[in-house]
Amino acid sequence: MLIIGIAGGSGSGKTTVVNKIVDAIPEETVAVVPQDAYYYDNGHLTQEEKLKINFDHPNSIEWELLIEQIDRLRSGHSIQMPMYNYVTCARAKETITIEPKTVVIVEGILILGNEELRKRMDIKLFVSTDNDDRLIRIMRRDIVERGRSYNDVLKHYETFVKPMHQQFIEPTKLFADVIIPQGGENQVAIDMVVSRIKMNLHI
């Protein structure tokens, strides 16, 4: 099994990179495990309290469960991955069954900052994108997908996203084997990663 970690700031284009890699290799050979599925359940909080949740701090993630499930995949067992809803800030009662595959992609803003998880990765990527571009993408995403107002998005960015990026995310570039500037637009870097995966798959 080849475990690939794909990190980078919020709005950096990680999902686009993941999707391009997945599209380039046989569907039956790859599974994707997003860090976002492992946020702690905060559905019991008031709406005002939910707006104050710091999704960009390492303490917001249930790392123990994520690492345990990655280990289960590595040992050939399926997992029941949580489903997290950003609007309600709660985990769904339902889970998603993930089967062990030849390639497992772990994706998320904070994944390279956790040493135990990092030890389990064979390839570590960091998607690096201009801060202004990231902010524009964050605003589009949070307004459309997470039901936030324009002012709420800006306040959340200034209070949490920007300082947490500088403290916890940007420094993890040091752990990356490959840094991908411009995210999903950098086809050369993506092709290099895909070639490495195909070598491992012997295709």
Protein backbone atom coordinates (compact mmCIF):
# COMPACT_ATOMS: atom_id res chain seq x y z
CA MET A 1 0.00 0.00 0.00
CA LEU A 2 1.20 3.48 -0.94
CA ILE A 3 0.02 6.20 1.45
CA ILE A 4 0.14 9.74 0.07
CA GLY A 5 -0.36 12.78 2.28
CA ILE A 6 -1.56 15.97 0.59
CA ALA A 7 -1.48 19.09 2.77
CA GLY A 8 -1.68 22.85 2.20
CA GLY A 9 -3.59 25.85 3.43
CA SER A 10 -7.34 26.25 3.33
CA GLY A 11 -8.36 27.13 -0.22
CA SER A 12 -4.98 26.15 -1.67
CA GLY A 13 -6.40 23.70 -4.22
CA LYS A 14 -5.72 20.42 -2.42
CA THR A 15 -9.00 18.90 -3.53
CA THR A 16 -8.24 19.73 -7.16
CA VAL A 17 -4.84 18.06 -6.86
CA VAL A 18 -6.43 15.00 -5.25
CA ASN A 19 -9.09 14.76 -7.96
CA LYS A 20 -6.53 15.05 -10.77
CA ILE A 21 -4.42 12.29 -9.23
CA VAL A 22 -7.46 10.06 -8.71
CA ASP A 23 -8.60 10.65 -12.31
CA ALA A 24 -5.17 9.66 -13.64
CA ILE A 25 -5.02 6.18 -12.06
CA PRO A 26 -7.42 3.21 -12.13
CA GLU A 27 -10.45 3.94 -9.92
CA GLU A 28 -10.33 0.58 -8.18
CA THR A 29 -6.77 1.19 -6.93
CA VAL A 30 -7.29 4.35 -4.85
CA ALA A 31 -9.13 5.48 -1.71
CA VAL A 32 -9.30 9.03 -0.33
CA VAL A 33 -9.41 9.78 3.41
CA PRO A 34 -10.04 13.49 4.10
CA GLN A 35 -8.91 14.99 7.39
CA ASP A 36 -12.16 17.00 7.47
CA ALA A 37 -14.14 13.83 8.23
CA TYR A 38 -12.43 13.62 11.62
CA TYR A 39 -13.43 16.93 13.18
CA TYR A 40 -14.88 16.45 16.65
CA ASP A 41 -18.67 16.49 16.85
CA ASN A 42 -19.82 19.97 17.90
CA GLY A 43 -23.47 19.61 17.00
CA HIS A 44 -24.52 20.33 20.59
CA LEU A 45 -23.18 23.91 20.50
CA THR A 46 -25.31 27.01 19.90
CA GLN A 47 -25.08 28.77 16.54
CA GLU A 48 -23.07 31.56 18.14
CA GLU A 49 -20.65 29.03 19.64
CA LYS A 50 -20.32 27.19 16.31
CA LEU A 51 -19.14 30.40 14.62
CA LYS A 52 -16.25 30.48 17.09
CA ILE A 53 -14.99 26.96 16.31
CA ASN A 54 -11.36 27.02 15.21
CA PHE A 55 -11.29 24.44 12.41
CA ASP A 56 -7.66 25.33 11.64
CA HIS A 57 -6.21 24.28 15.01
CA PRO A 58 -4.77 20.77 15.45
CA ASN A 59 -6.92 20.23 18.56
CA SER A 60 -10.07 20.30 16.42
CA ILE A 61 -9.19 16.93 14.87
CA GLU A 62 -9.65 13.47 16.42
CA TRP A 63 -6.19 12.32 15.38
CA GLU A 64 -6.36 9.07 17.33
CA LEU A 65 -9.32 7.85 15.27
CA LEU A 66 -7.78 8.96 11.97
CA ILE A 67 -4.48 7.19 12.71
CA GLU A 68 -6.29 4.08 13.97
CA GLN A 69 -8.31 3.88 10.76
CA ILE A 70 -5.26 4.42 8.55
CA ASP A 71 -3.59 1.54 10.42
CA ARG A 72 -6.65 -0.64 9.80
CA LEU A 73 -6.45 0.09 6.08
CA ARG A 74 -2.74 -0.71 6.10
CA SER A 75 -3.48 -4.07 7.70
CA GLY A 76 -6.03 -4.89 5.02
CA HIS A 77 -9.28 -4.09 6.84
CA SER A 78 -12.10 -1.78 5.80
CA ILE A 79 -13.04 1.24 7.94
CA GLN A 80 -16.20 3.17 8.78
CA MET A 81 -15.13 6.74 8.07
CA PRO A 82 -17.12 9.50 9.83
CA MET A 83 -19.17 12.06 7.90
CA TYR A 84 -18.87 15.65 9.11
CA ASN A 85 -21.28 18.47 8.25
CA TYR A 86 -19.82 22.00 8.31
CA VAL A 87 -23.26 23.61 8.45
CA THR A 88 -24.40 21.76 11.58
CA CYS A 89 -20.83 21.21 12.90
CA ALA A 90 -21.89 17.66 13.72
CA ARG A 91 -20.99 14.16 12.66
CA ALA A 92 -23.72 12.26 10.87
CA LYS A 93 -25.05 9.03 12.31
CA GLU A 94 -24.11 7.39 9.03
CA THR A 95 -20.54 6.49 8.11
CA ILE A 96 -18.79 5.76 4.81
CA THR A 97 -17.20 2.37 4.23
CA ILE A 98 -13.67 2.70 2.87
CA GLU A 99 -11.98 -0.43 1.59
CA PRO A 100 -8.19 -0.89 1.65
CA LYS A 101 -6.68 0.01 -1.72
CA THR A 102 -3.25 -0.03 -3.30
CA VAL A 103 -3.12 3.76 -2.99
CA VAL A 104 -4.58 5.68 -0.04
CA ILE A 105 -4.60 9.48 -0.19
CA VAL A 106 -4.87 11.34 3.12
CA GLU A 107 -5.78 14.98 2.50
CA GLY A 108 -6.09 17.95 4.85
CA ILE A 109 -4.63 21.25 6.00
CA LEU A 110 -3.00 19.88 9.16
CA ILE A 111 -1.96 16.34 8.29
CA LEU A 112 1.79 16.99 7.95
CA GLY A 113 1.87 18.54 11.41
CA ASN A 114 1.01 15.27 13.15
CA GLU A 115 4.17 13.23 13.57
CA GLU A 116 2.46 9.86 14.07
CA LEU A 117 0.35 10.29 10.96
CA ARG A 118 3.31 11.60 9.00
CA LYS A 119 5.31 8.45 9.82
CA ARG A 120 2.71 6.41 7.96
CA MET A 121 3.05 8.38 4.71
CA ASP A 122 5.21 7.20 1.83
CA ILE A 123 4.86 10.44 -0.16
CA LYS A 124 4.20 13.85 1.40
CA LEU A 125 2.95 16.74 -0.75
CA PHE A 126 2.29 20.36 0.15
CA VAL A 127 0.08 22.48 -2.10
CA SER A 128 1.30 26.08 -1.96
CA THR A 129 -0.93 28.89 -3.25
CA ASP A 130 -0.87 32.69 -2.99
CA ASN A 131 -2.70 33.96 0.11
CA ASP A 132 -4.99 36.27 -1.87
CA ASP A 133 -6.06 33.42 -4.13
CA ARG A 134 -6.75 31.24 -1.10
CA LEU A 135 -8.91 33.93 0.51
CA ILE A 136 -11.01 34.28 -2.65
CA ARG A 137 -11.59 30.52 -2.78
CA ILE A 138 -12.39 30.38 0.94
CA MET A 139 -14.99 33.13 0.54
CA ARG A 140 -16.66 31.40 -2.40
CA ARG A 141 -16.69 28.04 -0.63
CA ASP A 142 -17.86 29.19 2.80
CA ILE A 143 -20.67 31.38 1.47
CA VAL A 144 -21.98 28.74 -0.95
CA GLU A 145 -21.27 25.48 0.91
CA ARG A 146 -21.21 26.43 4.58
CA GLY A 147 -23.94 29.03 4.76
CA ARG A 148 -21.77 31.86 6.09
CA SER A 149 -22.25 35.54 5.34
CA TYR A 150 -19.58 37.68 3.69
CA ASN A 151 -18.75 39.36 7.01
CA ASP A 152 -18.67 36.03 8.88
CA VAL A 153 -16.18 34.64 6.37
CA LEU A 154 -13.88 37.65 6.68
CA LYS A 155 -14.05 37.61 10.47
CA HIS A 156 -13.37 33.88 10.56
CA TYR A 157 -10.41 34.29 8.20
CA GLU A 158 -8.85 37.09 10.24
CA THR A 159 -9.49 35.39 13.59
CA PHE A 160 -8.65 31.78 12.79
CA VAL A 161 -7.59 30.90 9.25
CA LYS A 162 -4.76 33.39 8.72
CA PRO A 163 -3.02 33.09 12.13
CA MET A 164 -3.44 29.30 12.26
CA HIS A 165 -2.02 28.99 8.74
CA GLN A 166 1.07 30.91 9.80
CA GLN A 167 1.47 28.95 13.04
CA PHE A 168 0.49 25.38 12.16
CA ILE A 169 0.23 24.88 8.41
CA GLU A 170 2.86 26.86 6.50
CA PRO A 171 5.73 25.49 8.68
CA THR A 172 4.83 21.90 7.67
CA LYS A 173 6.21 22.61 4.21
CA LEU A 174 9.49 21.45 5.74
CA PHE A 175 8.13 17.90 5.97
CA ALA A 176 6.98 17.72 2.34
CA ASP A 177 8.80 15.63 -0.24
CA VAL A 178 7.29 17.76 -3.01
CA ILE A 179 5.85 21.30 -2.88
CA ILE A 180 3.25 22.01 -5.56
CA PRO A 181 2.93 25.74 -6.34
CA GLN A 182 -0.36 26.97 -7.88
CA GLY A 183 -2.23 23.86 -6.74
CA GLY A 184 -4.28 22.05 -9.36
CA GLU A 185 -3.02 24.36 -12.10
CA ASN A 186 0.48 22.89 -11.82
CA GLN A 187 0.04 19.98 -14.19
CA VAL A 188 3.80 19.29 -14.41
CA ALA A 189 4.06 18.58 -10.68
CA ILE A 190 0.86 16.50 -10.71
CA ASP A 191 2.16 14.45 -13.65
CA MET A 192 5.38 13.75 -11.73
CA VAL A 193 3.39 12.48 -8.73
CA VAL A 194 1.14 10.37 -10.95
CA SER A 195 4.21 8.84 -12.64
CA ARG A 196 5.60 7.87 -9.22
CA ILE A 197 2.29 6.24 -8.30
CA LYS A 198 2.10 4.34 -11.57
CA MET A 199 5.62 3.04 -11.01
CA ASN A 200 4.44 1.66 -7.69
CA LEU A 201 1.36 0.15 -9.33
CA HIS A 202 3.48 -1.23 -12.22
CA ILE A 203 1.20 0.36 -14.85
